[in-house]
C-alpha atoms as a PDB file:
ATOM      1  CA  MET A   1       0.052  -0.122   0.172  1.00  0.00           C
ATOM      2  CA  PRO A   2       2.836   2.376   0.691  1.00  0.00           C
ATOM      3  CA  SER A   3       3.825   2.315  -3.231  1.00  0.00           C
ATOM      4  CA  ARG A   4       0.462   3.142  -3.975  1.00  0.00           C
ATOM      5  CA  LEU A   5       0.366   6.228  -1.985  1.00  0.00           C
ATOM      6  CA  LEU A   6       3.700   7.139  -2.761  1.00  0.00           C
ATOM      7  CA  LEU A   7       2.354   7.227  -6.805  1.00  0.00           C
ATOM      8  CA  LEU A   8      -0.817   9.128  -5.687  1.00  0.00           C
ATOM      9  CA  VAL A   9       1.672  11.709  -4.010  1.00  0.00           C
ATOM     10  CA  LEU A  10       3.722  11.819  -6.967  1.00  0.00           C
ATOM     11  CA  LEU A  11       1.072  12.238  -9.317  1.00  0.00           C
ATOM     12  CA  SER A  12      -0.601  15.125  -7.616  1.00  0.00           C
ATOM     13  CA  ALA A  13       2.245  16.820  -7.075  1.00  0.00           C
ATOM     14  CA  GLY A  14       3.499  16.420 -10.885  1.00  0.00           C
ATOM     15  CA  LEU A  15       6.386  14.966 -10.415  1.00  0.00           C
ATOM     16  CA  LEU A  16       5.560  12.041 -12.376  1.00  0.00           C
ATOM     17  CA  SER A  17       5.183  13.118 -16.084  1.00  0.00           C
ATOM     18  CA  SER A  18       2.618  11.743 -18.276  1.00  0.00           C
ATOM     19  CA  THR A  19       5.325  10.123 -20.454  1.00  0.00           C
ATOM     20  CA  VAL A  20       5.659   7.030 -18.086  1.00  0.00           C
ATOM     21  CA  PRO A  21       3.662   4.347 -20.132  1.00  0.00           C
ATOM     22  CA  VAL A  22       0.247   3.564 -18.751  1.00  0.00           C
ATOM     23  CA  GLN A  23      -1.075   0.183 -19.475  1.00  0.00           C
ATOM     24  CA  ALA A  24      -0.816  -0.853 -23.112  1.00  0.00           C
ATOM     25  CA  ASP A  25      -4.184  -0.980 -24.997  1.00  0.00           C
ATOM     26  CA  ASP A  26      -6.151  -3.942 -24.931  1.00  0.00           C
ATOM     27  CA  PRO A  27      -5.063  -6.300 -27.754  1.00  0.00           C
ATOM     28  CA  VAL A  28      -8.664  -7.579 -28.280  1.00  0.00           C
ATOM     29  CA  ALA A  29     -10.092  -4.107 -28.632  1.00  0.00           C
ATOM     30  CA  ALA A  30      -7.670  -3.060 -31.028  1.00  0.00           C
ATOM     31  CA  ALA A  31      -8.429  -6.239 -32.892  1.00  0.00           C
ATOM     32  CA  GLU A  32     -12.109  -5.479 -32.931  1.00  0.00           C
ATOM     33  CA  ARG A  33     -11.912  -2.007 -34.063  1.00  0.00           C
ATOM     34  CA  ALA A  34      -9.815  -3.114 -36.910  1.00  0.00           C
ATOM     35  CA  VAL A  35     -12.272  -5.627 -37.887  1.00  0.00           C
ATOM     36  CA  SER A  36     -15.077  -3.213 -37.279  1.00  0.00           C
ATOM     37  CA  ALA A  37     -12.893  -0.714 -39.686  1.00  0.00           C
ATOM     38  CA  LEU A  38     -12.529  -3.400 -42.394  1.00  0.00           C
ATOM     39  CA  ARG A  39     -16.404  -4.328 -42.145  1.00  0.00           C
ATOM     40  CA  GLU A  40     -17.239  -0.805 -42.686  1.00  0.00           C
ATOM     41  CA  LYS A  41     -14.821  -0.365 -45.746  1.00  0.00           C
ATOM     42  CA  ALA A  42     -16.398  -3.734 -47.089  1.00  0.00           C
ATOM     43  CA  ALA A  43     -19.724  -2.547 -47.006  1.00  0.00           C
ATOM     44  CA  GLU A  44     -18.857   0.849 -48.588  1.00  0.00           C
ATOM     45  CA  ALA A  45     -17.323  -0.993 -51.332  1.00  0.00           C
ATOM     46  CA  THR A  46     -20.334  -3.615 -51.657  1.00  0.00           C
ATOM     47  CA  ALA A  47     -22.775  -0.763 -51.900  1.00  0.00           C
ATOM     48  CA  GLU A  48     -20.675   1.042 -54.609  1.00  0.00           C
ATOM     49  CA  LEU A  49     -20.299  -2.384 -56.547  1.00  0.00           C
ATOM     50  CA  GLU A  50     -23.962  -2.869 -56.173  1.00  0.00           C
ATOM     51  CA  THR A  51     -24.610   0.849 -57.299  1.00  0.00           C
ATOM     52  CA  GLY A  52     -22.187   0.439 -60.383  1.00  0.00           C
ATOM     53  CA  THR A  53     -23.529  -2.769 -61.202  1.00  0.00           C
ATOM     54  CA  ARG A  54     -26.821  -1.497 -61.633  1.00  0.00           C
ATOM     55  CA  ARG A  55     -25.503   1.215 -63.568  1.00  0.00           C
ATOM     56  CA  LEU A  56     -23.670  -1.145 -65.797  1.00  0.00           C
ATOM     57  CA  GLU A  57     -27.111  -3.331 -66.150  1.00  0.00           C
ATOM     58  CA  ALA A  58     -28.836  -0.397 -67.157  1.00  0.00           C
ATOM     59  CA  ASP A  59     -26.428   0.815 -69.670  1.00  0.00           C
ATOM     60  CA  GLN A  60     -26.310  -2.680 -71.356  1.00  0.00           C
ATOM     61  CA  ARG A  61     -30.155  -2.526 -71.744  1.00  0.00           C
ATOM     62  CA  ARG A  62     -29.482   0.802 -73.394  1.00  0.00           C
ATOM     63  CA  LEU A  63     -26.985  -0.515 -75.740  1.00  0.00           C
ATOM     64  CA  ASP A  64     -29.076  -4.103 -76.327  1.00  0.00           C
ATOM     65  CA  ARG A  65     -32.107  -1.574 -77.315  1.00  0.00           C
ATOM     66  CA  THR A  66     -29.935   0.942 -79.286  1.00  0.00           C
ATOM     67  CA  GLN A  67     -28.086  -1.984 -81.453  1.00  0.00           C
ATOM     68  CA  ARG A  68     -31.443  -3.534 -82.110  1.00  0.00           C
ATOM     69  CA  GLN A  69     -32.877  -0.257 -83.580  1.00  0.00           C
ATOM     70  CA  ALA A  70     -29.638   0.248 -85.626  1.00  0.00           C
ATOM     71  CA  ALA A  71     -30.072  -3.183 -87.244  1.00  0.00           C
ATOM     72  CA  VAL A  72     -33.886  -2.615 -87.814  1.00  0.00           C
ATOM     73  CA  ALA A  73     -32.646   0.879 -89.226  1.00  0.00           C
ATOM     74  CA  ARG A  74     -30.204  -0.622 -91.336  1.00  0.00           C
ATOM     75  CA  ARG A  75     -32.464  -3.227 -92.778  1.00  0.00           C
ATOM     76  CA  GLU A  76     -35.162  -0.456 -93.893  1.00  0.00           C
ATOM     77  CA  ALA A  77     -32.252   1.662 -95.206  1.00  0.00           C
ATOM     78  CA  ASP A  78     -31.162  -1.302 -97.291  1.00  0.00           C
ATOM     79  CA  ALA A  79     -34.529  -1.834 -98.655  1.00  0.00           C
ATOM     80  CA  ALA A  80     -35.395   1.862 -99.039  1.00  0.00           C
ATOM     81  CA  GLN A  81     -32.076   2.047-101.247  1.00  0.00           C
ATOM     82  CA  GLU A  82     -33.076  -1.381-103.233  1.00  0.00           C
ATOM     83  CA  ALA A  83     -36.193   0.280-103.703  1.00  0.00           C
ATOM     84  CA  VAL A  84     -34.615   3.293-105.315  1.00  0.00           C
ATOM     85  CA  ALA A  85     -32.466   1.266-107.975  1.00  0.00           C
ATOM     86  CA  ARG A  86     -35.597  -0.518-109.005  1.00  0.00           C
ATOM     87  CA  SER A  87     -37.338   2.777-109.305  1.00  0.00           C
ATOM     88  CA  ARG A  88     -34.341   4.503-111.452  1.00  0.00           C
ATOM     89  CA  SER A  89     -34.429   0.934-113.233  1.00  0.00           C
ATOM     90  CA  ARG A  90     -38.146   1.349-114.347  1.00  0.00           C
ATOM     91  CA  LEU A  91     -37.277   5.068-115.161  1.00  0.00           C
ATOM     92  CA  ALA A  92     -34.653   4.226-117.202  1.00  0.00           C
ATOM     93  CA  VAL A  93     -36.662   2.031-119.096  1.00  0.00           C
ATOM     94  CA  VAL A  94     -39.465   4.482-119.847  1.00  0.00           C
ATOM     95  CA  VAL A  95     -36.942   7.016-120.787  1.00  0.00           C
ATOM     96  CA  ALA A  96     -35.042   4.735-123.232  1.00  0.00           C
ATOM     97  CA  ALA A  97     -38.396   3.735-124.864  1.00  0.00           C
ATOM     98  CA  ALA A  98     -39.795   7.062-125.317  1.00  0.00           C
ATOM     99  CA  TYR A  99     -36.444   8.103-126.978  1.00  0.00           C
ATOM    100  CA  ARG A 100     -36.191   5.108-129.440  1.00  0.00           C
ATOM    101  CA  ASN A 101     -39.692   5.851-130.518  1.00  0.00           C
ATOM    102  CA  PRO A 102     -40.863   9.574-129.852  1.00  0.00           C
ATOM    103  CA  ALA A 103     -44.177  10.270-130.525  1.00  0.00           C
ATOM    104  CA  PRO A 104     -45.280  11.936-133.690  1.00  0.00           C
ATOM    105  CA  ASP A 105     -45.931  15.286-133.784  1.00  0.00           C
ATOM    106  CA  ASP A 106     -48.731  17.003-135.541  1.00  0.00           C
ATOM    107  CA  LEU A 107     -46.703  17.412-138.600  1.00  0.00           C
ATOM    108  CA  MET A 108     -46.037  13.325-138.735  1.00  0.00           C
ATOM    109  CA  LEU A 109     -49.672  13.082-138.361  1.00  0.00           C
ATOM    110  CA  ILE A 110     -50.974  15.206-141.109  1.00  0.00           C
ATOM    111  CA  THR A 111     -48.089  13.366-143.595  1.00  0.00           C
ATOM    112  CA  THR A 112     -48.795   9.739-142.600  1.00  0.00           C
ATOM    113  CA  GLY A 113     -49.750   7.630-145.910  1.00  0.00           C
ATOM    114  CA  GLY A 114     -53.039   6.298-145.034  1.00  0.00           C
ATOM    115  CA  PRO A 115     -55.968   5.745-142.438  1.00  0.00           C
ATOM    116  CA  ASP A 116     -53.962   2.859-140.735  1.00  0.00           C
ATOM    117  CA  ALA A 117     -50.566   4.786-140.694  1.00  0.00           C
ATOM    118  CA  LEU A 118     -52.907   7.696-139.171  1.00  0.00           C
ATOM    119  CA  ARG A 119     -54.517   5.327-136.709  1.00  0.00           C
ATOM    120  CA  GLU A 120     -51.292   3.715-135.753  1.00  0.00           C
ATOM    121  CA  ALA A 121     -49.642   7.228-135.532  1.00  0.00           C
ATOM    122  CA  VAL A 122     -52.507   8.373-133.173  1.00  0.00           C
ATOM    123  CA  LEU A 123     -52.377   5.357-130.916  1.00  0.00           C
ATOM    124  CA  ALA A 124     -48.323   5.627-130.612  1.00  0.00           C
ATOM    125  CA  ARG A 125     -48.861   9.288-129.588  1.00  0.00           C
ATOM    126  CA  ALA A 126     -51.417   8.191-127.067  1.00  0.00           C
ATOM    127  CA  ASP A 127     -49.326   5.525-125.693  1.00  0.00           C
ATOM    128  CA  LEU A 128     -46.493   7.347-125.353  1.00  0.00           C
ATOM    129  CA  ASP A 129     -48.369  10.478-123.731  1.00  0.00           C
ATOM    130  CA  HIS A 130     -49.625   8.015-121.313  1.00  0.00           C
ATOM    131  CA  VAL A 131     -46.058   6.863-120.861  1.00  0.00           C
ATOM    132  CA  ARG A 132     -44.923  10.361-120.305  1.00  0.00           C
ATOM    133  CA  GLY A 133     -47.345  10.448-117.627  1.00  0.00           C
ATOM    134  CA  SER A 134     -46.222   7.461-116.009  1.00  0.00           C
ATOM    135  CA  GLU A 135     -42.691   8.871-116.366  1.00  0.00           C
ATOM    136  CA  GLN A 136     -43.502  11.904-114.140  1.00  0.00           C
ATOM    137  CA  ASP A 137     -45.140   9.345-111.607  1.00  0.00           C
ATOM    138  CA  LEU A 138     -41.969   7.020-111.729  1.00  0.00           C
ATOM    139  CA  LEU A 139     -39.642  10.299-111.252  1.00  0.00           C
ATOM    140  CA  ARG A 140     -41.737  11.456-108.422  1.00  0.00           C
ATOM    141  CA  THR A 141     -41.897   8.076-106.662  1.00  0.00           C
ATOM    142  CA  ALA A 142     -38.140   7.467-107.508  1.00  0.00           C
ATOM    143  CA  THR A 143     -37.250  11.082-105.886  1.00  0.00           C
ATOM    144  CA  ALA A 144     -39.518  10.223-103.025  1.00  0.00           C
ATOM    145  CA  GLU A 145     -38.087   6.863-102.376  1.00  0.00           C
ATOM    146  CA  ARG A 146     -34.476   8.483-102.683  1.00  0.00           C
ATOM    147  CA  VAL A 147     -35.254  10.888 -99.948  1.00  0.00           C
ATOM    148  CA  ARG A 148     -36.817   8.444 -97.539  1.00  0.00           C
ATOM    149  CA  ALA A 149     -33.601   6.078 -98.181  1.00  0.00           C
ATOM    150  CA  GLU A 150     -31.141   8.879 -97.377  1.00  0.00           C
ATOM    151  CA  GLY A 151     -33.278   9.755 -94.088  1.00  0.00           C
ATOM    152  CA  LEU A 152     -33.099   6.215 -93.466  1.00  0.00           C
ATOM    153  CA  VAL A 153     -29.279   5.958 -94.154  1.00  0.00           C
ATOM    154  CA  ARG A 154     -28.794   8.864 -91.689  1.00  0.00           C
ATOM    155  CA  THR A 155     -30.811   7.405 -89.045  1.00  0.00           C
ATOM    156  CA  ALA A 156     -29.253   4.021 -89.191  1.00  0.00           C
ATOM    157  CA  ASP A 157     -25.816   5.693 -89.076  1.00  0.00           C
ATOM    158  CA  GLN A 158     -26.685   8.089 -86.005  1.00  0.00           C
ATOM    159  CA  LEU A 159     -27.965   4.874 -84.243  1.00  0.00           C
ATOM    160  CA  GLU A 160     -24.819   2.822 -84.997  1.00  0.00           C
ATOM    161  CA  THR A 161     -22.857   5.747 -83.583  1.00  0.00           C
ATOM    162  CA  SER A 162     -24.834   5.882 -80.437  1.00  0.00           C
ATOM    163  CA  ALA A 163     -24.560   1.948 -80.013  1.00  0.00           C
ATOM    164  CA  ARG A 164     -20.529   2.358 -80.400  1.00  0.00           C
ATOM    165  CA  ASP A 165     -20.687   5.095 -77.678  1.00  0.00           C
ATOM    166  CA  ARG A 166     -23.165   3.244 -75.378  1.00  0.00           C
ATOM    167  CA  GLN A 167     -20.500   0.171 -75.958  1.00  0.00           C
ATOM    168  CA  ARG A 168     -17.619   2.619 -74.861  1.00  0.00           C
ATOM    169  CA  THR A 169     -19.180   3.497 -71.823  1.00  0.00           C
ATOM    170  CA  VAL A 170     -20.554  -0.036 -71.003  1.00  0.00           C
ATOM    171  CA  ALA A 171     -16.459  -1.145 -71.396  1.00  0.00           C
ATOM    172  CA  ARG A 172     -15.260   2.149 -68.922  1.00  0.00           C
ATOM    173  CA  THR A 173     -17.858   0.693 -66.494  1.00  0.00           C
ATOM    174  CA  VAL A 174     -16.877  -2.794 -66.489  1.00  0.00           C
ATOM    175  CA  ASP A 175     -13.199  -1.530 -66.297  1.00  0.00           C
ATOM    176  CA  ALA A 176     -14.238   1.040 -63.174  1.00  0.00           C
ATOM    177  CA  LEU A 177     -15.885  -2.085 -61.473  1.00  0.00           C
ATOM    178  CA  ARG A 178     -13.036  -4.113 -61.691  1.00  0.00           C
ATOM    179  CA  ALA A 179     -10.995  -1.775 -60.567  1.00  0.00           C
ATOM    180  CA  LEU A 180     -13.092  -1.075 -57.524  1.00  0.00           C
ATOM    181  CA  ALA A 181     -13.354  -5.061 -57.046  1.00  0.00           C
ATOM    182  CA  ASP A 182      -9.377  -5.366 -57.095  1.00  0.00           C
ATOM    183  CA  ARG A 183      -9.093  -2.469 -54.904  1.00  0.00           C
ATOM    184  CA  SER A 184     -11.648  -3.782 -52.391  1.00  0.00           C
ATOM    185  CA  ALA A 185     -10.031  -7.287 -52.188  1.00  0.00           C
END
């Protein structure tokens, strides 16, 4: 008991400095604090990974949707371009036929050799007048199809560009999640 009394007197007199080691920290408590800190870090990493995974899944769904839209748009654009080619081909046939067999003008009709020749010339003129009307219809159709095809090609190109951008976003998200998982391991 005298040593405790002496310690108390020395402490109260300030003769015993605070640099004297006091009993070491309990190793069990220190280990519990370390485990608690690790659990907290693990919970934070898990939350970040879950958030990142949800973001990745949403990005992947958007990418899939964009890729499907781009594929549909590309098929429609290809079909429209084929329709333009068919319209141009039909128009070329009509123009070539009109060039090879021009319609007789009024002077040619008057100077035909006889009633049968006159009738054939009038019929030829009527046929060519009809073809010229068809030619205008074909030209309007070909122009409309060309404009539609150009729009579809632009749409398909934009969707394909968007899909590539989304693919890069997904790849960056995957890389970020892997890095986070590596840091957390």
